[in-house]
Amino acid sequence: MSTQQDTVLQKLRQLPVDLSLVELYPAEEDKAYFCTPLGARILGRIGVDGVHFCDVPSLGLDLVFAVTPMGEAPFVYPVASDLHEFLAEVYTCGSAGSIEQLIGIAPERAADFLRFNRALCIGSDDADELQQAYDFFGMDGFSLPEPGKNTAVCHVLNVMADTFALEPIEDVYAHIQAVCSSFDIKKLSFSDEYDNL
């Protein structure tokens, strides 16, 4: 693990914005799950279903992993080569939770998922697009987001982009899939509970 990773994490934790608006809640080191790799440093969580992101300093790599305790085995997926790249993914998708969802989505649904997810996360002036987003995600009761929420989310994303010089990733779905397939999960160590599954 590099000192650059530590520097990015320190700067992230000091940002004067509410990162929960982009589903990147503060890390709680004591909230590891059975499927959190041993030696993991929890970087943040999305706030539901125990989903969190971590790196594993003992690997000697800066990889960022999504950990999905309520998902399916192997429950842990590499999603970015380092924390800076992970933040670029958040910036591109509009939320950290989107990254975890992209792991298992079918390729033919990825483009619509990203378009409609961004419409819900950062807003859209097109009521038809918002209605399509609600329909795509099977959400009942179409309504406009609470006043100011989308503006606040955009502000957080813009502060992140300015602080870390983030650029959108052109095909973020293919990018995340490539990172997932490039790492052998057997290189990680897990709790006995995980190993006994």
Protein backbone atom coordinates (compact mmCIF):
# COMPACT_ATOMS: atom_id res chain seq x y z
CA MET A 1 0.00 0.00 0.00
CA SER A 2 1.33 3.42 -0.90
CA THR A 3 1.62 6.59 1.08
CA GLN A 4 -0.40 8.19 -1.71
CA GLN A 5 -3.35 6.00 -0.69
CA ASP A 6 -2.99 7.25 2.89
CA THR A 7 -2.79 10.85 1.69
CA VAL A 8 -5.95 10.51 -0.42
CA LEU A 9 -7.81 8.90 2.50
CA GLN A 10 -6.73 11.63 4.89
CA LYS A 11 -7.83 14.36 2.47
CA LEU A 12 -11.14 12.57 1.88
CA ARG A 13 -11.88 12.40 5.59
CA GLN A 14 -11.13 16.12 5.95
CA LEU A 15 -13.41 17.32 3.14
CA PRO A 16 -15.85 19.97 4.42
CA VAL A 17 -18.86 18.22 2.86
CA ASP A 18 -21.35 15.53 3.86
CA LEU A 19 -20.10 12.45 2.01
CA SER A 20 -23.20 10.52 3.08
CA LEU A 21 -25.00 12.40 0.28
CA VAL A 22 -23.01 10.26 -2.18
CA GLU A 23 -23.45 7.12 -0.05
CA LEU A 24 -19.97 7.28 1.41
CA TYR A 25 -20.63 7.26 5.13
CA PRO A 26 -17.69 7.44 7.54
CA ALA A 27 -15.89 4.19 8.23
CA GLU A 28 -16.47 2.34 11.46
CA GLU A 29 -13.50 0.05 12.03
CA ASP A 30 -15.46 -2.06 14.53
CA LYS A 31 -18.18 -2.82 11.96
CA ALA A 32 -16.37 -5.59 10.11
CA TYR A 33 -18.50 -8.50 8.91
CA PHE A 34 -17.81 -12.20 8.47
CA CYS A 35 -16.83 -11.47 4.88
CA THR A 36 -14.62 -8.45 5.53
CA PRO A 37 -11.10 -9.56 4.59
CA LEU A 38 -8.75 -9.98 7.53
CA GLY A 39 -6.48 -6.97 7.90
CA ALA A 40 -8.89 -4.72 6.00
CA ARG A 41 -9.06 -1.00 6.58
CA ILE A 42 -12.64 0.12 6.13
CA LEU A 43 -12.73 3.24 3.94
CA GLY A 44 -16.45 3.95 4.01
CA ARG A 45 -19.89 2.39 3.87
CA ILE A 46 -23.04 3.06 1.88
CA GLY A 47 -25.36 2.97 4.91
CA VAL A 48 -27.48 -0.11 4.09
CA ASP A 49 -27.10 -3.90 4.17
CA GLY A 50 -23.61 -3.66 5.69
CA VAL A 51 -22.07 -2.78 2.31
CA HIS A 52 -18.68 -1.18 2.80
CA PHE A 53 -15.46 -0.47 0.95
CA CYS A 54 -12.00 -1.33 2.16
CA ASP A 55 -8.41 -1.81 1.24
CA VAL A 56 -6.09 -4.47 2.65
CA PRO A 57 -2.71 -2.88 3.42
CA SER A 58 -1.01 -6.24 4.03
CA LEU A 59 -1.52 -7.14 0.35
CA GLY A 60 0.97 -4.48 -0.65
CA LEU A 61 -1.60 -3.27 -3.19
CA ASP A 62 -3.87 -0.23 -3.17
CA LEU A 63 -6.93 -2.12 -4.46
CA VAL A 64 -10.30 -1.00 -3.14
CA PHE A 65 -12.83 -3.75 -2.47
CA ALA A 66 -16.62 -3.67 -2.16
CA VAL A 67 -17.84 -5.95 0.62
CA THR A 68 -21.48 -7.07 0.34
CA PRO A 69 -22.52 -9.11 3.41
CA MET A 70 -26.11 -9.53 2.18
CA GLY A 71 -25.00 -10.50 -1.33
CA GLU A 72 -23.80 -13.78 -2.73
CA ALA A 73 -20.43 -15.50 -2.36
CA PRO A 74 -17.68 -14.48 -2.61
CA PHE A 75 -19.15 -11.29 -1.01
CA VAL A 76 -15.95 -9.32 -1.77
CA TYR A 77 -15.07 -7.75 -5.11
CA PRO A 78 -12.20 -5.52 -6.17
CA VAL A 79 -13.67 -2.41 -7.76
CA ALA A 80 -10.77 0.04 -8.17
CA SER A 81 -7.00 -0.14 -8.41
CA ASP A 82 -6.65 2.54 -5.74
CA LEU A 83 -8.66 5.03 -3.70
CA HIS A 84 -8.25 7.85 -6.24
CA GLU A 85 -9.72 5.64 -8.97
CA PHE A 86 -12.55 4.64 -6.61
CA LEU A 87 -13.40 8.30 -6.07
CA ALA A 88 -13.43 8.82 -9.84
CA GLU A 89 -15.94 5.95 -10.04
CA VAL A 90 -18.11 7.62 -7.37
CA TYR A 91 -17.88 10.88 -9.30
CA THR A 92 -18.85 9.16 -12.54
CA CYS A 93 -21.74 7.15 -11.07
CA GLY A 94 -23.06 9.79 -8.68
CA SER A 95 -22.86 7.56 -5.61
CA ALA A 96 -20.73 4.87 -3.98
CA GLY A 97 -23.70 2.51 -3.78
CA SER A 98 -23.87 2.48 -7.57
CA ILE A 99 -20.42 0.91 -7.74
CA GLU A 100 -21.50 -2.01 -5.61
CA GLN A 101 -24.63 -2.45 -7.75
CA LEU A 102 -22.65 -2.43 -11.01
CA ILE A 103 -20.74 -5.54 -9.94
CA GLY A 104 -23.64 -7.86 -10.60
CA ILE A 105 -25.70 -6.03 -13.18
CA ALA A 106 -26.19 -7.54 -16.64
CA PRO A 107 -24.17 -5.79 -19.37
CA GLU A 108 -27.27 -4.94 -21.39
CA ARG A 109 -28.75 -3.06 -18.41
CA ALA A 110 -25.60 -1.15 -17.42
CA ALA A 111 -26.03 1.92 -19.63
CA ASP A 112 -29.66 2.47 -18.57
CA PHE A 113 -28.75 1.80 -14.94
CA LEU A 114 -26.04 4.47 -15.02
CA ARG A 115 -28.19 7.03 -16.85
CA PHE A 116 -31.22 6.61 -14.63
CA ASN A 117 -29.16 6.31 -11.45
CA ARG A 118 -27.42 9.62 -12.21
CA ALA A 119 -30.80 11.22 -12.91
CA LEU A 120 -31.95 10.20 -9.43
CA CYS A 121 -28.63 11.05 -7.70
CA ILE A 122 -27.83 14.40 -9.24
CA GLY A 123 -31.16 15.34 -10.75
CA SER A 124 -32.64 15.96 -14.13
CA ASP A 125 -34.69 18.77 -15.59
CA ASP A 126 -36.52 16.20 -17.70
CA ALA A 127 -39.61 14.89 -15.87
CA ASP A 128 -39.95 12.07 -18.43
CA GLU A 129 -36.40 10.90 -17.68
CA LEU A 130 -37.14 10.93 -13.95
CA GLN A 131 -40.33 8.94 -14.54
CA GLN A 132 -38.34 6.44 -16.64
CA ALA A 133 -35.77 6.21 -13.83
CA TYR A 134 -38.51 5.43 -11.29
CA ASP A 135 -39.94 2.81 -13.66
CA PHE A 136 -36.51 1.29 -14.35
CA PHE A 137 -35.81 0.82 -10.65
CA GLY A 138 -39.37 -0.31 -9.89
CA MET A 139 -39.98 2.60 -7.57
CA ASP A 140 -43.58 3.45 -6.72
CA GLY A 141 -44.85 6.94 -6.15
CA PHE A 142 -42.93 9.09 -8.59
CA SER A 143 -42.11 12.43 -7.06
CA LEU A 144 -39.44 15.03 -7.47
CA PRO A 145 -36.53 14.81 -5.02
CA GLU A 146 -36.66 16.96 -1.92
CA PRO A 147 -35.72 20.57 -2.67
CA GLY A 148 -31.98 21.18 -2.60
CA LYS A 149 -30.93 17.52 -2.33
CA ASN A 150 -29.69 17.21 -5.90
CA THR A 151 -27.88 20.53 -5.59
CA ALA A 152 -26.19 19.29 -2.41
CA VAL A 153 -25.16 16.02 -4.08
CA CYS A 154 -23.74 17.93 -7.05
CA HIS A 155 -21.83 20.16 -4.64
CA VAL A 156 -20.25 17.15 -2.90
CA LEU A 157 -19.29 15.58 -6.24
CA ASN A 158 -17.82 18.87 -7.46
CA VAL A 159 -15.77 19.35 -4.28
CA MET A 160 -14.46 15.79 -4.64
CA ALA A 161 -13.61 16.42 -8.30
CA ASP A 162 -11.81 19.68 -7.52
CA THR A 163 -9.91 18.28 -4.53
CA PHE A 164 -8.72 15.11 -6.23
CA ALA A 165 -8.64 16.25 -9.89
CA LEU A 166 -11.22 13.61 -10.80
CA GLU A 167 -12.28 12.96 -14.37
CA PRO A 168 -15.31 10.89 -15.38
CA ILE A 169 -14.50 7.33 -16.42
CA GLU A 170 -15.81 6.84 -19.95
CA ASP A 171 -17.13 3.28 -19.58
CA VAL A 172 -17.25 2.87 -15.83
CA TYR A 173 -19.16 -0.42 -16.04
CA ALA A 174 -16.49 -2.07 -18.22
CA HIS A 175 -13.81 -0.53 -16.04
CA ILE A 176 -15.23 -2.00 -12.81
CA GLN A 177 -15.78 -5.39 -14.46
CA ALA A 178 -12.15 -5.41 -15.64
CA VAL A 179 -10.88 -4.66 -12.13
CA CYS A 180 -13.12 -7.40 -10.71
CA SER A 181 -11.83 -10.02 -13.12
CA SER A 182 -8.16 -9.09 -12.72
CA PHE A 183 -7.74 -10.15 -9.09
CA ASP A 184 -7.71 -13.63 -7.55
CA ILE A 185 -9.89 -13.42 -4.45
CA LYS A 186 -7.95 -16.38 -2.99
CA LYS A 187 -5.16 -13.92 -2.17
CA LEU A 188 -7.34 -12.57 0.65
CA SER A 189 -7.68 -14.10 4.11
CA PHE A 190 -11.03 -14.37 5.84
CA SER A 191 -12.55 -15.34 9.18
CA ASP A 192 -13.30 -18.96 10.03
CA GLU A 193 -17.00 -18.15 9.63
CA TYR A 194 -16.38 -17.16 6.02
CA ASP A 195 -14.13 -20.14 5.33
CA ASN A 196 -16.75 -22.53 6.71
CA LEU A 197 -19.47 -21.35 4.31
